[in-house]
C-alpha cells in the first residue's frame, strides 16, 4: 500500500520534486508553477541537474548558488555565510535576536555599561538592579 510507504514515484516535470500521488503533482504544478507547462521551462536547462528555467539569469543564479556553492550573503556580526538571503535573515533572527547592523543603536546604562535594545529594558534594569539611580535618564549610544 503506497499510503504508508515513503516511496514517491511521481515527479514534477518542471522541478523534479517527488510525490506519492499523481494528483499531488498536478496540484503542485498548478500552485507552485502557476500552470506553466514543462515545455515552457526547458529553454534554459541546467547541465548538472534536471532543473530548467525560463530565463538565462535564473539558470545562472541556480548554477552559482546551488552547484558552485557561492555564499554571497554574509552575516556582519559573526561572518557566517549563506547562499540565500532568506537563510541569512533567519540566522540573524535566531542567532543574534534580530540584530541587523553593527551601527544599531542601543540604550546603555551609565552605571554599569550594560546595553539594552529598548527604553523599557533599560528602565527595568535601572529600577531593579541599581534601585536608587534614576531610571528616567536614557542616553542612546552605538556600542560598536
Protein backbone atom coordinates (compact mmCIF):
# COMPACT_ATOMS: atom_id res chain seq x y z
CA UNK A 1 0.00 0.00 0.00
CA UNK A 2 1.55 3.31 -1.10
CA UNK A 3 -0.09 5.46 1.59
CA UNK A 4 2.22 4.08 4.32
CA UNK A 5 5.25 3.88 2.10
CA UNK A 6 7.94 6.51 1.77
CA UNK A 7 8.11 5.79 -1.95
CA UNK A 8 7.43 8.84 -4.13
CA UNK A 9 7.03 7.52 -7.67
CA UNK A 10 5.64 10.71 -9.26
CA UNK A 11 7.94 13.62 -10.20
CA UNK A 12 7.13 17.19 -11.14
CA UNK A 13 8.15 17.62 -14.80
CA UNK A 14 9.38 21.15 -14.09
CA UNK A 15 11.39 21.00 -10.85
CA UNK A 16 11.66 17.22 -10.30
CA UNK A 17 10.16 17.35 -6.80
CA UNK A 18 8.75 13.92 -5.98
CA UNK A 19 5.27 12.96 -4.71
CA UNK A 20 3.41 9.88 -3.52
CA UNK A 21 0.29 10.62 -5.57
CA UNK A 22 -0.13 11.75 -9.16
CA UNK A 23 -2.82 14.22 -8.06
CA UNK A 24 -0.28 15.92 -5.75
CA UNK A 25 1.96 16.58 -8.76
CA UNK A 26 -0.92 18.25 -10.57
CA UNK A 27 -1.76 20.40 -7.55
CA UNK A 28 1.92 21.27 -7.04
CA UNK A 29 2.32 22.35 -10.68
CA UNK A 30 -0.81 24.49 -10.56
CA UNK A 31 0.13 26.20 -7.28
CA UNK A 32 3.92 26.43 -7.45
CA UNK A 33 4.49 26.75 -11.17
CA UNK A 34 1.21 28.57 -11.82
CA UNK A 35 0.09 26.20 -14.54
CA UNK A 36 3.27 26.52 -16.63
CA UNK A 37 3.90 23.58 -18.90
CA UNK A 38 7.20 21.73 -18.88
CA UNK A 39 7.94 22.74 -22.46
CA UNK A 40 7.85 26.42 -21.49
CA UNK A 41 10.62 25.88 -18.94
CA UNK A 42 13.03 23.77 -20.97
CA UNK A 43 14.66 26.63 -22.85
CA UNK A 44 17.41 27.06 -20.23
CA UNK A 45 18.37 23.64 -18.84
CA UNK A 46 20.90 23.07 -16.12
CA UNK A 47 23.79 20.85 -17.29
CA UNK A 48 24.28 19.44 -13.80
CA UNK A 49 20.77 18.59 -12.60
CA UNK A 50 17.38 18.15 -14.29
CA UNK A 51 16.07 21.62 -13.47
CA UNK A 52 15.11 24.04 -16.23
CA UNK A 53 14.44 27.77 -16.17
CA UNK A 54 12.56 30.41 -18.12
CA UNK A 55 15.49 32.85 -18.31
CA UNK A 56 19.25 32.59 -18.58
CA UNK A 57 19.69 34.78 -15.49
CA UNK A 58 17.63 32.34 -13.40
CA UNK A 59 19.76 29.48 -14.70
CA UNK A 60 22.95 31.42 -13.87
CA UNK A 61 21.68 32.15 -10.36
CA UNK A 62 20.79 28.49 -9.88
CA UNK A 63 24.22 27.31 -11.07
CA UNK A 64 26.09 29.86 -8.98
CA UNK A 65 24.23 29.30 -5.75
CA UNK A 66 23.28 25.63 -5.89
CA UNK A 67 26.13 23.98 -7.76
CA UNK A 68 29.07 26.31 -7.18
CA UNK A 69 28.08 26.93 -3.58
CA UNK A 70 28.80 30.65 -3.60
CA UNK A 71 27.69 32.04 -0.29
CA UNK A 72 27.40 35.73 -1.04
CA UNK A 73 25.14 36.62 1.92
CA UNK A 74 27.47 37.13 4.89
CA UNK A 75 26.46 37.91 8.47
CA UNK A 76 28.02 41.21 9.55
CA UNK A 77 28.03 40.06 13.17
CA UNK A 78 29.71 36.62 13.09
CA UNK A 79 30.78 36.21 9.41
CA UNK A 80 28.60 33.13 8.82
CA UNK A 81 27.82 32.88 5.11
CA UNK A 82 24.72 31.72 3.30
CA UNK A 83 23.65 31.03 -0.26
CA UNK A 84 20.20 32.60 0.15
CA UNK A 85 19.31 35.95 1.76
CA UNK A 86 16.35 34.30 3.47
CA UNK A 87 18.75 31.90 5.21
CA UNK A 88 20.85 34.83 6.42
CA UNK A 89 17.74 36.63 7.68
CA UNK A 90 16.66 33.51 9.57
CA UNK A 91 20.17 33.14 11.05
CA UNK A 92 20.11 36.75 12.28
CA UNK A 93 16.67 36.32 13.84
CA UNK A 94 17.53 33.02 15.53
CA UNK A 95 21.17 33.62 16.49
CA UNK A 96 21.52 37.33 17.01
CA UNK A 97 17.99 38.14 18.19
CA UNK A 98 17.19 40.27 15.16
CA UNK A 99 20.31 42.46 15.21
CA UNK A 100 20.84 43.65 11.64
CA UNK A 101 23.77 46.07 11.57
CA UNK A 102 26.85 46.89 13.59
CA UNK A 103 25.78 50.51 13.94
CA UNK A 104 22.45 49.63 15.55
CA UNK A 105 21.75 51.99 18.45
CA UNK A 106 21.23 50.74 21.98
CA UNK A 107 20.35 52.18 25.35
CA UNK A 108 23.40 52.00 27.59
CA UNK A 109 23.35 52.01 31.40
CA UNK A 110 25.52 54.86 32.67
CA UNK A 111 26.14 52.99 35.93
CA UNK A 112 27.39 49.59 34.73
CA UNK A 113 27.64 49.96 30.95
CA UNK A 114 25.13 47.22 30.11
CA UNK A 115 23.36 47.70 26.76
CA UNK A 116 19.62 47.42 26.05
CA UNK A 117 17.66 47.38 22.80
CA UNK A 118 14.69 49.20 24.30
CA UNK A 119 13.98 52.03 26.70
CA UNK A 120 11.71 49.69 28.67
CA UNK A 121 14.51 47.16 29.17
CA UNK A 122 16.85 49.90 30.30
CA UNK A 123 14.27 51.36 32.71
CA UNK A 124 13.53 47.92 34.18
CA UNK A 125 17.27 47.34 34.65
CA UNK A 126 17.77 50.69 36.38
CA UNK A 127 14.80 50.14 38.70
CA UNK A 128 15.60 46.58 39.76
CA UNK A 129 19.41 46.46 39.51
CA UNK A 130 20.56 49.91 40.55
CA UNK A 131 17.49 50.86 42.61
CA UNK A 132 18.02 54.50 43.54
CA UNK A 133 19.67 55.51 40.26
CA UNK A 134 17.32 57.50 38.06
CA UNK A 135 15.51 55.19 35.67
CA UNK A 136 14.37 58.12 33.54
CA UNK A 137 17.83 59.11 32.24
CA UNK A 138 18.49 57.38 28.96
CA UNK A 139 21.27 58.02 26.50
CA UNK A 140 21.33 56.31 23.13
CA UNK A 141 24.77 55.18 22.06
CA UNK A 142 26.28 52.97 19.43
CA UNK A 143 28.02 50.04 21.08
CA UNK A 144 30.16 49.26 18.06
